[in-house]
N, C-alpha and C. Protein backbone atom coordinates (compact mmCIF):
# COMPACT_ATOMS: atom_id res chain seq x y z
N MET A 1 130.91 69.08 86.25
CA MET A 1 131.96 68.20 85.80
C MET A 1 132.80 67.73 86.98
N GLY A 2 133.03 68.44 88.01
CA GLY A 2 133.69 67.95 89.20
C GLY A 2 135.19 67.72 89.08
N LEU A 3 135.80 68.02 87.96
CA LEU A 3 137.23 67.82 87.78
C LEU A 3 138.00 68.92 88.50
N THR A 4 138.92 68.55 89.39
CA THR A 4 139.72 69.55 90.10
C THR A 4 141.20 69.42 89.78
N ARG A 5 141.60 68.30 89.18
CA ARG A 5 143.00 68.10 88.79
C ARG A 5 143.05 67.44 87.42
N LEU A 6 144.02 67.87 86.64
CA LEU A 6 144.30 67.25 85.36
C LEU A 6 145.75 66.80 85.44
N LEU A 7 145.93 65.48 85.57
CA LEU A 7 147.23 64.90 85.92
C LEU A 7 147.64 65.51 87.26
N SER A 8 148.71 66.29 87.32
CA SER A 8 149.12 66.88 88.60
C SER A 8 148.82 68.38 88.68
N THR A 9 148.10 68.90 87.68
CA THR A 9 147.82 70.34 87.62
C THR A 9 146.42 70.64 88.15
N PRO A 10 146.30 71.53 89.16
CA PRO A 10 144.96 71.91 89.62
C PRO A 10 144.24 72.72 88.55
N VAL A 11 142.95 72.45 88.35
CA VAL A 11 142.16 73.18 87.36
C VAL A 11 140.87 73.69 88.00
N CYS A 12 140.33 74.75 87.41
CA CYS A 12 139.08 75.33 87.87
C CYS A 12 138.33 75.82 86.64
N ALA A 13 137.08 75.41 86.50
CA ALA A 13 136.27 75.82 85.35
C ALA A 13 135.22 76.82 85.79
N PHE A 14 134.85 77.72 84.88
CA PHE A 14 133.80 78.70 85.17
C PHE A 14 133.15 79.10 83.85
N LEU A 15 131.94 79.62 83.96
CA LEU A 15 131.25 80.14 82.79
C LEU A 15 131.60 81.61 82.62
N PRO A 16 132.05 82.02 81.46
CA PRO A 16 132.38 83.44 81.26
C PRO A 16 131.13 84.30 81.28
N SER A 17 131.30 85.56 81.63
CA SER A 17 130.18 86.50 81.63
C SER A 17 129.74 86.76 80.20
N SER A 18 128.48 87.02 80.05
CA SER A 18 127.93 87.37 78.75
C SER A 18 128.46 88.73 78.33
N LYS A 19 128.58 88.96 77.03
CA LYS A 19 129.03 90.26 76.54
C LYS A 19 128.04 91.36 76.88
N GLN A 20 126.76 90.99 77.09
CA GLN A 20 125.75 91.98 77.43
C GLN A 20 125.69 92.24 78.93
N ALA A 21 126.41 91.47 79.72
CA ALA A 21 126.37 91.63 81.18
C ALA A 21 127.01 92.96 81.58
N ALA A 22 126.47 93.54 82.63
CA ALA A 22 127.04 94.77 83.19
C ALA A 22 127.72 94.41 84.51
N VAL A 23 128.78 95.13 84.83
CA VAL A 23 129.51 94.88 86.07
C VAL A 23 129.65 96.19 86.82
N GLY A 24 129.43 96.13 88.12
CA GLY A 24 129.55 97.31 88.97
C GLY A 24 130.17 96.95 90.30
N VAL A 25 130.48 97.97 91.08
CA VAL A 25 131.11 97.78 92.39
C VAL A 25 130.32 98.56 93.42
N VAL A 26 130.11 97.95 94.59
CA VAL A 26 129.51 98.64 95.73
C VAL A 26 130.47 98.55 96.90
N ASN A 27 130.41 99.51 97.80
CA ASN A 27 131.23 99.48 99.01
C ASN A 27 130.39 98.96 100.16
N VAL A 28 130.82 97.84 100.74
CA VAL A 28 130.14 97.22 101.87
C VAL A 28 131.11 97.24 103.04
N PRO A 29 130.93 98.18 103.99
CA PRO A 29 131.89 98.33 105.09
C PRO A 29 132.04 97.11 105.99
N ASP A 30 130.99 96.30 106.13
CA ASP A 30 131.05 95.14 107.02
C ASP A 30 131.75 93.98 106.31
N LYS A 31 133.05 93.81 106.58
CA LYS A 31 133.83 92.77 105.92
C LYS A 31 133.48 91.37 106.39
N SER A 32 132.71 91.26 107.48
CA SER A 32 132.34 89.93 107.97
C SER A 32 131.26 89.28 107.12
N LEU A 33 130.59 90.05 106.27
CA LEU A 33 129.56 89.50 105.39
C LEU A 33 130.20 88.74 104.24
N THR A 34 129.87 87.47 104.12
CA THR A 34 130.43 86.66 103.04
C THR A 34 129.71 86.95 101.73
N ASP A 35 130.29 86.48 100.63
CA ASP A 35 129.65 86.65 99.32
C ASP A 35 128.27 86.00 99.30
N ALA A 36 128.15 84.83 99.93
CA ALA A 36 126.86 84.12 99.95
C ALA A 36 125.80 84.91 100.72
N ILE A 37 126.18 85.48 101.85
CA ILE A 37 125.23 86.28 102.65
C ILE A 37 124.82 87.52 101.88
N LEU A 38 125.79 88.19 101.25
CA LEU A 38 125.48 89.38 100.46
C LEU A 38 124.51 89.03 99.32
N ALA A 39 124.77 87.94 98.62
CA ALA A 39 123.91 87.53 97.51
C ALA A 39 122.49 87.23 98.00
N GLN A 40 122.39 86.64 99.18
CA GLN A 40 121.09 86.28 99.74
C GLN A 40 120.26 87.53 100.07
N HIS A 41 120.90 88.59 100.54
CA HIS A 41 120.19 89.79 100.99
C HIS A 41 120.18 90.92 99.96
N LEU A 42 120.75 90.68 98.78
CA LEU A 42 120.85 91.71 97.75
C LEU A 42 119.54 91.82 96.97
N ARG A 43 119.08 93.06 96.78
CA ARG A 43 117.89 93.33 95.96
C ARG A 43 118.27 94.37 94.92
N SER A 44 117.86 94.09 93.69
CA SER A 44 118.19 94.99 92.59
C SER A 44 117.10 94.90 91.53
N GLY A 45 116.96 95.96 90.73
CA GLY A 45 116.01 95.95 89.63
C GLY A 45 116.47 95.07 88.48
N VAL A 46 117.75 94.71 88.46
CA VAL A 46 118.33 93.86 87.42
C VAL A 46 118.85 92.60 88.11
N SER A 47 118.61 91.44 87.53
CA SER A 47 119.07 90.18 88.13
C SER A 47 120.59 90.16 88.26
N VAL A 48 121.07 89.69 89.41
CA VAL A 48 122.51 89.62 89.70
C VAL A 48 122.97 88.18 89.46
N THR A 49 124.05 88.03 88.69
CA THR A 49 124.58 86.69 88.40
C THR A 49 125.78 86.33 89.24
N SER A 50 126.45 87.34 89.81
CA SER A 50 127.67 87.06 90.57
C SER A 50 127.89 88.14 91.62
N VAL A 51 128.33 87.71 92.81
CA VAL A 51 128.70 88.61 93.90
C VAL A 51 130.07 88.17 94.38
N LYS A 52 131.07 89.06 94.33
CA LYS A 52 132.44 88.68 94.68
C LYS A 52 133.15 89.83 95.37
N ARG A 53 133.56 89.61 96.63
CA ARG A 53 134.34 90.63 97.35
C ARG A 53 135.74 90.66 96.75
N LEU A 54 136.28 91.86 96.57
CA LEU A 54 137.60 92.02 95.96
C LEU A 54 138.66 92.00 97.06
N GLY A 55 139.21 90.82 97.28
CA GLY A 55 140.23 90.65 98.31
C GLY A 55 139.68 90.92 99.70
N ASP A 56 140.48 91.57 100.54
CA ASP A 56 140.08 91.89 101.92
C ASP A 56 139.68 93.36 101.99
N THR A 57 138.90 93.82 101.01
CA THR A 57 138.50 95.22 100.95
C THR A 57 137.00 95.35 101.19
N GLU A 58 136.53 96.58 101.21
CA GLU A 58 135.10 96.84 101.34
C GLU A 58 134.40 96.78 99.98
N CYS A 59 135.16 96.62 98.90
CA CYS A 59 134.61 96.62 97.54
C CYS A 59 134.05 95.24 97.18
N VAL A 60 132.83 95.24 96.66
CA VAL A 60 132.18 94.02 96.21
C VAL A 60 131.79 94.19 94.75
N LYS A 61 132.26 93.27 93.91
CA LYS A 61 131.98 93.30 92.48
C LYS A 61 130.67 92.56 92.21
N LEU A 62 129.77 93.20 91.49
CA LEU A 62 128.48 92.61 91.13
C LEU A 62 128.39 92.48 89.62
N ALA A 63 127.97 91.32 89.15
CA ALA A 63 127.71 91.12 87.72
C ALA A 63 126.20 90.99 87.54
N PHE A 64 125.68 91.73 86.58
CA PHE A 64 124.25 91.75 86.31
C PHE A 64 123.96 91.05 84.99
N VAL A 65 122.75 90.51 84.84
CA VAL A 65 122.37 89.76 83.65
C VAL A 65 122.56 90.59 82.38
N ALA A 66 122.14 91.83 82.40
CA ALA A 66 122.24 92.69 81.22
C ALA A 66 122.53 94.11 81.64
N GLY A 67 123.12 94.88 80.73
CA GLY A 67 123.46 96.26 81.04
C GLY A 67 122.35 97.20 80.69
N PRO A 68 122.44 98.40 81.14
CA PRO A 68 123.47 98.91 82.05
C PRO A 68 123.17 98.51 83.50
N ALA A 69 124.19 98.64 84.33
CA ALA A 69 124.04 98.32 85.75
C ALA A 69 123.09 99.33 86.39
N PRO A 70 122.35 98.92 87.41
CA PRO A 70 121.46 99.87 88.09
C PRO A 70 122.27 100.94 88.83
N LYS A 71 121.65 102.06 89.14
CA LYS A 71 122.34 103.12 89.88
C LYS A 71 122.50 102.76 91.35
N PHE A 72 121.56 101.96 91.89
CA PHE A 72 121.58 101.57 93.29
C PHE A 72 121.17 100.11 93.44
N VAL A 73 121.65 99.47 94.52
CA VAL A 73 121.15 98.17 94.96
C VAL A 73 120.84 98.29 96.45
N HIS A 74 120.06 97.36 96.96
CA HIS A 74 119.76 97.32 98.38
C HIS A 74 120.32 96.04 98.97
N ILE A 75 121.03 96.16 100.08
CA ILE A 75 121.46 95.01 100.86
C ILE A 75 120.79 95.17 102.21
N GLY A 76 119.83 94.29 102.47
CA GLY A 76 118.99 94.48 103.65
C GLY A 76 118.21 95.76 103.46
N SER A 77 118.30 96.66 104.43
CA SER A 77 117.58 97.94 104.34
C SER A 77 118.50 99.09 103.91
N THR A 78 119.73 98.77 103.52
CA THR A 78 120.70 99.79 103.14
C THR A 78 120.74 99.96 101.63
N LYS A 79 120.61 101.20 101.18
CA LYS A 79 120.68 101.53 99.75
C LYS A 79 122.12 101.92 99.43
N LEU A 80 122.73 101.21 98.47
CA LEU A 80 124.12 101.45 98.12
C LEU A 80 124.25 101.86 96.66
N PRO A 81 125.03 102.91 96.37
CA PRO A 81 125.25 103.28 94.97
C PRO A 81 126.15 102.27 94.27
N VAL A 82 125.86 102.00 93.00
CA VAL A 82 126.67 101.09 92.20
C VAL A 82 127.61 101.95 91.35
N HIS A 83 128.92 101.69 91.49
CA HIS A 83 129.94 102.42 90.74
C HIS A 83 130.42 101.55 89.57
N PRO A 84 130.88 102.16 88.48
CA PRO A 84 131.40 101.37 87.36
C PRO A 84 132.61 100.55 87.80
N TYR A 85 132.71 99.33 87.30
CA TYR A 85 133.85 98.47 87.60
C TYR A 85 134.92 98.71 86.54
N ARG A 86 136.12 98.93 87.00
CA ARG A 86 137.26 99.10 86.09
C ARG A 86 138.33 98.09 86.49
N ALA A 87 138.63 97.17 85.59
CA ALA A 87 139.66 96.17 85.87
C ALA A 87 141.03 96.84 85.91
N ARG A 88 141.93 96.23 86.64
CA ARG A 88 143.29 96.77 86.70
C ARG A 88 143.92 96.72 85.31
N PRO A 89 144.73 97.73 84.99
CA PRO A 89 145.37 97.73 83.66
C PRO A 89 146.46 96.69 83.55
């Protein structure tokens, strides 16, 4: 759709996650890796729909097509455990 403003208000559209989607968090110590690079090198037994670093932290939120989330994912040759994602209260 390409719409970025509605009158003078900035807008952003996105597709919501499916109710069956699983979400997990991995710790990636190298903060220089962008979300795009991580997504490109990520391997998992379950298809990943979203890769998003949480602020300026080592935590990266992963959304998977369906649950449950896998126990591990691989980024390059590194095996990383997937932890449950808990949103802030």
